[in-house]
Amino acid sequence: MIDIGINKENRTEISNGLKELLADSYTLYLQTHNFHWNVTGLQFRELHLMFEEQYTELAVAVDDIAERIRTLDVPAPGTYKEFSKLSSIKEVDGVPSSSEMVEILTKGHEQVIKTSRKVLKIAQSVDDESTAALVSDRMRVHEKTAWMLRATKKS
């Protein structure tokens, strides 16, 4: 029996939000990795390396989020089928241009920020500081990444 000062109902509500955050993060990870492999054009090297940094960071993030769900004594989703149901980020067909990749990833990071804000409110409302800290850290990373992606479009 788990006794960490958060009742089962609240742990379930927090975990449900974290599952959405996990699904968004994993979908964004997969998109970023795909774009890393398939980017072409004048900014190839810059974008190829930037996308690699981003998917590497996201790989650690999905583990942290899944482990927080498990810490709350709830099973973490771990299949594409589950992620596709839970994610607010839609898959992309084909190989977009490099500028479209930047736009798609910018929107993906912005969506993760919005999902994070939703989870943060839930965590704060029940004094779950551990989830709040994790989600707050995630928001900061995604806000900075979205800014960096937007900056590549400026001339």
N, C-alpha and C. Protein backbone atom coordinates (compact mmCIF):
# COMPACT_ATOMS: atom_id res chain seq x y z
N MET A 1 0.85 -1.19 0.00
CA MET A 1 0.00 0.00 0.00
C MET A 1 0.89 1.25 0.00
N ILE A 2 0.58 2.17 -0.86
CA ILE A 2 1.34 3.41 -0.98
C ILE A 2 0.74 4.47 -0.05
N ASP A 3 1.62 5.17 0.67
CA ASP A 3 1.17 6.22 1.60
C ASP A 3 2.15 7.39 1.51
N ILE A 4 1.96 8.24 0.50
CA ILE A 4 2.85 9.38 0.29
C ILE A 4 2.15 10.72 0.51
N GLY A 5 0.98 10.69 1.11
CA GLY A 5 0.26 11.92 1.40
C GLY A 5 -0.62 12.43 0.27
N ILE A 6 -0.79 11.60 -0.75
CA ILE A 6 -1.70 11.94 -1.86
C ILE A 6 -2.63 10.75 -2.02
N ASN A 7 -3.94 11.01 -1.88
CA ASN A 7 -4.87 9.89 -1.93
C ASN A 7 -4.96 9.29 -3.33
N LYS A 8 -5.54 8.10 -3.39
CA LYS A 8 -5.60 7.34 -4.65
C LYS A 8 -6.31 8.12 -5.75
N GLU A 9 -7.40 8.78 -5.43
CA GLU A 9 -8.15 9.54 -6.43
C GLU A 9 -7.26 10.63 -7.04
N ASN A 10 -6.54 11.36 -6.19
CA ASN A 10 -5.67 12.42 -6.69
C ASN A 10 -4.47 11.86 -7.46
N ARG A 11 -3.92 10.74 -6.99
CA ARG A 11 -2.82 10.10 -7.72
C ARG A 11 -3.28 9.68 -9.11
N THR A 12 -4.49 9.18 -9.20
CA THR A 12 -5.04 8.76 -10.50
C THR A 12 -5.23 9.97 -11.41
N GLU A 13 -5.76 11.06 -10.87
CA GLU A 13 -5.98 12.28 -11.67
C GLU A 13 -4.65 12.84 -12.17
N ILE A 14 -3.66 12.90 -11.28
CA ILE A 14 -2.34 13.39 -11.67
C ILE A 14 -1.74 12.48 -12.74
N SER A 15 -1.83 11.18 -12.51
CA SER A 15 -1.27 10.21 -13.46
C SER A 15 -1.93 10.29 -14.82
N ASN A 16 -3.23 10.54 -14.85
CA ASN A 16 -3.91 10.68 -16.13
C ASN A 16 -3.35 11.86 -16.92
N GLY A 17 -3.10 12.96 -16.22
CA GLY A 17 -2.46 14.11 -16.87
C GLY A 17 -1.05 13.79 -17.31
N LEU A 18 -0.31 13.09 -16.46
CA LEU A 18 1.06 12.71 -16.81
C LEU A 18 1.09 11.75 -17.99
N LYS A 19 0.08 10.90 -18.12
CA LYS A 19 0.00 10.00 -19.27
C LYS A 19 -0.13 10.80 -20.57
N GLU A 20 -0.91 11.86 -20.54
CA GLU A 20 -1.05 12.72 -21.72
C GLU A 20 0.28 13.41 -22.02
N LEU A 21 0.95 13.87 -20.97
CA LEU A 21 2.25 14.51 -21.13
C LEU A 21 3.27 13.52 -21.69
N LEU A 22 3.23 12.29 -21.21
CA LEU A 22 4.12 11.25 -21.70
C LEU A 22 3.85 10.97 -23.18
N ALA A 23 2.59 10.85 -23.53
CA ALA A 23 2.22 10.58 -24.92
C ALA A 23 2.63 11.72 -25.84
N ASP A 24 2.40 12.96 -25.42
CA ASP A 24 2.83 14.11 -26.21
C ASP A 24 4.35 14.12 -26.35
N SER A 25 5.04 13.87 -25.26
CA SER A 25 6.50 13.89 -25.28
C SER A 25 7.07 12.79 -26.16
N TYR A 26 6.49 11.61 -26.09
CA TYR A 26 6.98 10.49 -26.89
C TYR A 26 6.70 10.73 -28.37
N THR A 27 5.53 11.25 -28.68
CA THR A 27 5.19 11.55 -30.07
C THR A 27 6.14 12.61 -30.61
N LEU A 28 6.42 13.63 -29.80
CA LEU A 28 7.36 14.68 -30.21
C LEU A 28 8.77 14.11 -30.37
N TYR A 29 9.15 13.20 -29.47
CA TYR A 29 10.45 12.53 -29.59
C TYR A 29 10.55 11.82 -30.94
N LEU A 30 9.53 11.05 -31.28
CA LEU A 30 9.56 10.27 -32.52
C LEU A 30 9.58 11.20 -33.74
N GLN A 31 8.80 12.27 -33.70
CA GLN A 31 8.80 13.24 -34.81
C GLN A 31 10.18 13.87 -34.97
N THR A 32 10.76 14.25 -33.85
CA THR A 32 12.07 14.92 -33.88
C THR A 32 13.14 13.98 -34.42
N HIS A 33 13.09 12.72 -34.00
CA HIS A 33 14.05 11.74 -34.48
C HIS A 33 13.86 11.51 -35.99
N ASN A 34 12.64 11.40 -36.42
CA ASN A 34 12.32 11.25 -37.84
C ASN A 34 12.87 12.43 -38.64
N PHE A 35 12.66 13.63 -38.14
CA PHE A 35 13.12 14.81 -38.87
C PHE A 35 14.65 14.87 -38.86
N HIS A 36 15.29 14.44 -37.80
CA HIS A 36 16.75 14.37 -37.73
C HIS A 36 17.27 13.49 -38.87
N TRP A 37 16.63 12.35 -39.08
CA TRP A 37 17.06 11.43 -40.13
C TRP A 37 16.81 11.99 -41.53
N ASN A 38 15.72 12.74 -41.68
CA ASN A 38 15.24 13.08 -43.02
C ASN A 38 15.39 14.53 -43.44
N VAL A 39 15.96 15.38 -42.60
CA VAL A 39 16.09 16.79 -42.96
C VAL A 39 17.08 16.95 -44.12
N THR A 40 16.78 17.89 -45.00
CA THR A 40 17.67 18.23 -46.12
C THR A 40 17.64 19.75 -46.29
N GLY A 41 18.50 20.26 -47.13
CA GLY A 41 18.46 21.68 -47.45
C GLY A 41 19.66 22.44 -46.92
N LEU A 42 19.60 23.74 -47.11
CA LEU A 42 20.72 24.62 -46.77
C LEU A 42 21.07 24.59 -45.28
N GLN A 43 20.09 24.36 -44.43
CA GLN A 43 20.33 24.32 -42.98
C GLN A 43 20.52 22.90 -42.48
N PHE A 44 20.85 21.98 -43.38
CA PHE A 44 20.93 20.57 -43.00
C PHE A 44 21.73 20.34 -41.73
N ARG A 45 22.98 20.75 -41.73
CA ARG A 45 23.86 20.43 -40.60
C ARG A 45 23.34 21.03 -39.30
N GLU A 46 22.94 22.29 -39.35
CA GLU A 46 22.42 22.97 -38.15
C GLU A 46 21.18 22.27 -37.62
N LEU A 47 20.24 21.96 -38.49
CA LEU A 47 19.00 21.32 -38.06
C LEU A 47 19.22 19.87 -37.65
N HIS A 48 20.05 19.17 -38.39
CA HIS A 48 20.35 17.77 -38.07
C HIS A 48 20.90 17.67 -36.64
N LEU A 49 21.84 18.54 -36.31
CA LEU A 49 22.44 18.53 -34.97
C LEU A 49 21.45 19.02 -33.91
N MET A 50 20.68 20.05 -34.23
CA MET A 50 19.70 20.57 -33.28
C MET A 50 18.64 19.51 -32.96
N PHE A 51 18.15 18.85 -33.99
CA PHE A 51 17.14 17.81 -33.77
C PHE A 51 17.71 16.67 -32.93
N GLU A 52 18.98 16.33 -33.15
CA GLU A 52 19.60 15.28 -32.35
C GLU A 52 19.66 15.67 -30.87
N GLU A 53 20.04 16.91 -30.59
CA GLU A 53 20.05 17.39 -29.20
C GLU A 53 18.66 17.29 -28.60
N GLN A 54 17.66 17.67 -29.38
CA GLN A 54 16.29 17.68 -28.89
C GLN A 54 15.76 16.28 -28.64
N TYR A 55 15.96 15.35 -29.57
CA TYR A 55 15.43 14.00 -29.32
C TYR A 55 16.19 13.30 -28.22
N THR A 56 17.45 13.60 -28.04
CA THR A 56 18.22 13.01 -26.95
C THR A 56 17.68 13.48 -25.60
N GLU A 57 17.36 14.76 -25.51
CA GLU A 57 16.78 15.31 -24.28
C GLU A 57 15.40 14.71 -24.03
N LEU A 58 14.61 14.56 -25.07
CA LEU A 58 13.27 13.99 -24.93
C LEU A 58 13.31 12.52 -24.51
N ALA A 59 14.33 11.79 -24.93
CA ALA A 59 14.46 10.37 -24.53
C ALA A 59 14.59 10.25 -23.02
N VAL A 60 15.33 11.14 -22.41
CA VAL A 60 15.46 11.15 -20.94
C VAL A 60 14.15 11.59 -20.32
N ALA A 61 13.51 12.58 -20.92
CA ALA A 61 12.26 13.13 -20.37
C ALA A 61 11.15 12.09 -20.30
N VAL A 62 10.99 11.29 -21.35
CA VAL A 62 9.90 10.31 -21.33
C VAL A 62 10.12 9.28 -20.22
N ASP A 63 11.37 8.95 -19.96
CA ASP A 63 11.68 8.03 -18.86
C ASP A 63 11.31 8.66 -17.52
N ASP A 64 11.66 9.92 -17.33
CA ASP A 64 11.35 10.62 -16.07
C ASP A 64 9.84 10.69 -15.84
N ILE A 65 9.10 11.00 -16.90
CA ILE A 65 7.64 11.12 -16.77
C ILE A 65 7.02 9.76 -16.47
N ALA A 66 7.44 8.72 -17.19
CA ALA A 66 6.90 7.38 -16.95
C ALA A 66 7.22 6.91 -15.53
N GLU A 67 8.41 7.20 -15.07
CA GLU A 67 8.78 6.78 -13.72
C GLU A 67 8.00 7.55 -12.66
N ARG A 68 7.64 8.78 -12.94
CA ARG A 68 6.79 9.53 -11.98
C ARG A 68 5.40 8.89 -11.92
N ILE A 69 4.87 8.49 -13.05
CA ILE A 69 3.58 7.80 -13.06
C ILE A 69 3.66 6.53 -12.22
N ARG A 70 4.73 5.78 -12.38
CA ARG A 70 4.91 4.55 -11.60
C ARG A 70 5.09 4.85 -10.11
N THR A 71 5.76 5.94 -9.80
CA THR A 71 5.93 6.35 -8.40
C THR A 71 4.58 6.61 -7.75
N LEU A 72 3.62 7.07 -8.55
CA LEU A 72 2.27 7.32 -8.05
C LEU A 72 1.44 6.04 -8.02
N ASP A 73 2.07 4.90 -8.32
CA ASP A 73 1.46 3.58 -8.25
C ASP A 73 0.40 3.35 -9.33
N VAL A 74 0.69 3.90 -10.52
CA VAL A 74 -0.21 3.74 -11.66
C VAL A 74 0.64 3.19 -12.82
N PRO A 75 0.11 2.24 -13.59
CA PRO A 75 0.86 1.75 -14.75
C PRO A 75 1.05 2.85 -15.80
N ALA A 76 2.25 2.93 -16.35
CA ALA A 76 2.54 3.91 -17.40
C ALA A 76 2.21 3.32 -18.76
N PRO A 77 1.62 4.11 -19.65
CA PRO A 77 1.38 3.62 -21.01
C PRO A 77 2.71 3.44 -21.72
N GLY A 78 2.78 2.50 -22.65
CA GLY A 78 4.04 2.26 -23.31
C GLY A 78 3.93 1.68 -24.71
N THR A 79 2.77 1.90 -25.35
CA THR A 79 2.62 1.41 -26.72
C THR A 79 2.21 2.55 -27.64
N TYR A 80 2.52 2.40 -28.93
CA TYR A 80 2.11 3.41 -29.89
C TYR A 80 0.59 3.57 -29.89
N LYS A 81 -0.11 2.47 -29.73
CA LYS A 81 -1.58 2.51 -29.71
C LYS A 81 -2.08 3.40 -28.58
N GLU A 82 -1.51 3.19 -27.38
CA GLU A 82 -1.92 4.02 -26.23
C GLU A 82 -1.52 5.48 -26.44
N PHE A 83 -0.29 5.69 -26.92
CA PHE A 83 0.19 7.05 -27.13
C PHE A 83 -0.67 7.79 -28.15
N SER A 84 -1.07 7.10 -29.22
CA SER A 84 -1.88 7.76 -30.25
C SER A 84 -3.24 8.20 -29.72
N LYS A 85 -3.78 7.44 -28.75
CA LYS A 85 -5.05 7.82 -28.14
C LYS A 85 -4.89 9.01 -27.20
N LEU A 86 -3.74 9.06 -26.51
CA LEU A 86 -3.54 10.06 -25.46
C LEU A 86 -2.91 11.36 -25.95
N SER A 87 -2.20 11.32 -27.06
CA SER A 87 -1.42 12.48 -27.49
C SER A 87 -2.26 13.54 -28.18
N SER A 88 -1.92 14.79 -27.93
CA SER A 88 -2.53 15.92 -28.63
C SER A 88 -1.75 16.27 -29.88
N ILE A 89 -0.59 15.64 -30.06
CA ILE A 89 0.26 15.91 -31.21
C ILE A 89 -0.03 14.85 -32.26
N LYS A 90 -0.34 15.32 -33.44
CA LYS A 90 -0.70 14.41 -34.52
C LYS A 90 0.53 14.02 -35.32
N GLU A 91 0.50 12.79 -35.84
CA GLU A 91 1.60 12.29 -36.66
C GLU A 91 1.62 13.03 -38.00
N VAL A 92 2.78 13.06 -38.62
CA VAL A 92 2.98 13.73 -39.90
C VAL A 92 3.21 12.66 -40.97
N ASP A 93 2.52 12.81 -42.09
CA ASP A 93 2.73 11.89 -43.22
C ASP A 93 3.82 12.45 -44.12
N GLY A 94 4.61 11.56 -44.67
CA GLY A 94 5.64 11.97 -45.62
C GLY A 94 6.79 12.69 -44.96
N VAL A 95 7.59 13.35 -45.78
CA VAL A 95 8.76 14.09 -45.30
C VAL A 95 8.56 15.56 -45.65
N PRO A 96 8.25 16.39 -44.65
CA PRO A 96 8.07 17.82 -44.91
C PRO A 96 9.39 18.50 -45.26
N SER A 97 9.30 19.70 -45.79
CA SER A 97 10.51 20.49 -46.04
C SER A 97 11.14 20.86 -44.69
N SER A 98 12.38 21.30 -44.72
CA SER A 98 13.06 21.65 -43.47
C SER A 98 12.34 22.78 -42.74
N SER A 99 11.82 23.75 -43.47
CA SER A 99 11.10 24.85 -42.81
C SER A 99 9.79 24.35 -42.20
N GLU A 100 9.13 23.40 -42.88
CA GLU A 100 7.91 22.81 -42.31
C GLU A 100 8.24 21.97 -41.07
N MET A 101 9.39 21.29 -41.10
CA MET A 101 9.80 20.52 -39.92
C MET A 101 9.95 21.44 -38.72
N VAL A 102 10.60 22.56 -38.92
CA VAL A 102 10.80 23.52 -37.83
C VAL A 102 9.45 24.00 -37.30
N GLU A 103 8.53 24.29 -38.20
CA GLU A 103 7.20 24.75 -37.81
C GLU A 103 6.43 23.66 -37.04
N ILE A 104 6.49 22.45 -37.54
CA ILE A 104 5.80 21.32 -36.90
C ILE A 104 6.35 21.08 -35.51
N LEU A 105 7.67 21.08 -35.39
CA LEU A 105 8.29 20.85 -34.07
C LEU A 105 8.02 22.01 -33.11
N THR A 106 8.00 23.23 -33.63
CA THR A 106 7.66 24.39 -32.78
C THR A 106 6.26 24.19 -32.19
N LYS A 107 5.32 23.85 -33.03
CA LYS A 107 3.95 23.62 -32.56
C LYS A 107 3.88 22.44 -31.59
N GLY A 108 4.67 21.41 -31.84
CA GLY A 108 4.72 20.27 -30.94
C GLY A 108 5.21 20.66 -29.55
N HIS A 109 6.28 21.43 -29.50
CA HIS A 109 6.80 21.88 -28.20
C HIS A 109 5.79 22.79 -27.51
N GLU A 110 5.13 23.64 -28.27
CA GLU A 110 4.10 24.51 -27.68
C GLU A 110 2.95 23.68 -27.13
N GLN A 111 2.59 22.59 -27.79
CA GLN A 111 1.53 21.72 -27.28
C GLN A 111 1.97 21.05 -25.99
N VAL A 112 3.22 20.60 -25.92
CA VAL A 112 3.70 19.98 -24.69
C VAL A 112 3.65 21.00 -23.54
N ILE A 113 3.95 22.25 -23.83
CA ILE A 113 3.86 23.30 -22.81
C ILE A 113 2.42 23.41 -22.30
N LYS A 114 1.46 23.41 -23.22
CA LYS A 114 0.04 23.52 -22.82
C LYS A 114 -0.39 22.31 -22.01
N THR A 115 0.02 21.12 -22.42
CA THR A 115 -0.30 19.92 -21.65
C THR A 115 0.35 20.00 -20.27
N SER A 116 1.58 20.46 -20.21
CA SER A 116 2.28 20.61 -18.94
C SER A 116 1.55 21.57 -18.00
N ARG A 117 1.06 22.67 -18.54
CA ARG A 117 0.33 23.64 -17.70
C ARG A 117 -0.90 23.00 -17.06
N LYS A 118 -1.57 22.17 -17.84
CA LYS A 118 -2.75 21.47 -17.33
C LYS A 118 -2.38 20.53 -16.18
N VAL A 119 -1.32 19.76 -16.36
CA VAL A 119 -0.87 18.82 -15.33
C VAL A 119 -0.36 19.58 -14.11
N LEU A 120 0.34 20.67 -14.35
CA LEU A 120 0.88 21.47 -13.25
C LEU A 120 -0.23 21.97 -12.32
N LYS A 121 -1.33 22.44 -12.89
CA LYS A 121 -2.46 22.91 -12.09
C LYS A 121 -3.02 21.80 -11.20
N ILE A 122 -3.13 20.61 -11.78
CA ILE A 122 -3.65 19.47 -11.01
C ILE A 122 -2.70 19.15 -9.86
N ALA A 123 -1.41 19.06 -10.18
CA ALA A 123 -0.41 18.71 -9.16
C ALA A 123 -0.38 19.76 -8.04
N GLN A 124 -0.41 21.02 -8.41
CA GLN A 124 -0.38 22.08 -7.40
C GLN A 124 -1.62 22.07 -6.52
N SER A 125 -2.76 21.70 -7.11
CA SER A 125 -4.02 21.73 -6.34
C SER A 125 -4.05 20.69 -5.23
N VAL A 126 -3.21 19.65 -5.33
CA VAL A 126 -3.18 18.61 -4.28
C VAL A 126 -1.81 18.53 -3.59
N ASP A 127 -1.04 19.61 -3.72
CA ASP A 127 0.27 19.72 -3.07
C ASP A 127 1.23 18.60 -3.46
N ASP A 128 1.21 18.20 -4.73
CA ASP A 128 2.15 17.20 -5.24
C ASP A 128 3.36 17.95 -5.80
N GLU A 129 4.25 18.32 -4.90
CA GLU A 129 5.42 19.12 -5.27
C GLU A 129 6.35 18.37 -6.22
N SER A 130 6.47 17.07 -6.07
CA SER A 130 7.36 16.29 -6.93
C SER A 130 6.91 16.34 -8.39
N THR A 131 5.62 16.13 -8.62
CA THR A 131 5.11 16.22 -9.99
C THR A 131 5.19 17.65 -10.49
N ALA A 132 4.85 18.61 -9.63
CA ALA A 132 4.90 20.02 -10.02
C ALA A 132 6.32 20.41 -10.45
N ALA A 133 7.32 19.96 -9.72
CA ALA A 133 8.71 20.29 -10.06
C ALA A 133 9.10 19.65 -11.40
N LEU A 134 8.75 18.39 -11.59
CA LEU A 134 9.05 17.70 -12.83
C LEU A 134 8.40 18.42 -14.01
N VAL A 135 7.13 18.72 -13.88
CA VAL A 135 6.38 19.34 -14.98
C VAL A 135 6.88 20.76 -15.23
N SER A 136 7.18 21.49 -14.18
CA SER A 136 7.72 22.84 -14.32
C SER A 136 9.06 22.81 -15.08
N ASP A 137 9.91 21.85 -14.72
CA ASP A 137 11.18 21.70 -15.43
C ASP A 137 10.95 21.37 -16.90
N ARG A 138 9.98 20.51 -17.19
CA ARG A 138 9.66 20.16 -18.57
C ARG A 138 9.18 21.39 -19.34
N MET A 139 8.33 22.19 -18.71
CA MET A 139 7.83 23.39 -19.37
C MET A 139 8.98 24.31 -19.77
N ARG A 140 9.91 24.50 -18.86
CA ARG A 140 11.04 25.40 -19.10
C ARG A 140 11.85 24.91 -20.31
N VAL A 141 12.10 23.61 -20.39
CA VAL A 141 12.86 23.04 -21.52
C VAL A 141 12.10 23.26 -22.83
N HIS A 142 10.81 22.99 -22.82
CA HIS A 142 10.03 23.11 -24.05
C HIS A 142 9.84 24.57 -24.47
N GLU A 143 9.71 25.47 -23.52
CA GLU A 143 9.63 26.90 -23.86
C GLU A 143 10.92 27.36 -24.53
N LYS A 144 12.06 26.95 -23.98
CA LYS A 144 13.35 27.34 -24.56
C LYS A 144 13.52 26.70 -25.94
N THR A 145 13.15 25.44 -26.09
CA THR A 145 13.29 24.77 -27.37
C THR A 145 12.40 25.41 -28.43
N ALA A 146 11.18 25.75 -28.06
CA ALA A 146 10.27 26.41 -29.01
C ALA A 146 10.85 27.76 -29.44
N TRP A 147 11.43 28.47 -28.50
CA TRP A 147 12.06 29.75 -28.82
C TRP A 147 13.21 29.54 -29.81
N MET A 148 14.05 28.55 -29.55
CA MET A 148 15.19 28.27 -30.44
C MET A 148 14.72 27.88 -31.83
N LEU A 149 13.68 27.08 -31.91
CA LEU A 149 13.13 26.70 -33.20
C LEU A 149 12.57 27.93 -33.93
N ARG A 150 11.83 28.77 -33.21
CA ARG A 150 11.28 29.98 -33.82
C ARG A 150 12.41 30.89 -34.33
N ALA A 151 13.52 30.95 -33.57
CA ALA A 151 14.64 31.81 -33.93
C ALA A 151 15.31 31.37 -35.25
N THR A 152 15.22 30.09 -35.60
CA THR A 152 15.82 29.62 -36.86
C THR A 152 15.06 30.14 -38.07
N LYS A 153 13.80 30.58 -37.85
CA LYS A 153 12.98 31.06 -38.97
C LYS A 153 13.18 32.55 -39.23
N LYS A 154 13.84 33.25 -38.31
CA LYS A 154 14.04 34.70 -38.46
C LYS A 154 15.23 34.95 -39.36
N SER A 155 15.15 36.05 -40.10
CA SER A 155 16.32 36.38 -40.94
C SER A 155 16.92 37.70 -40.53
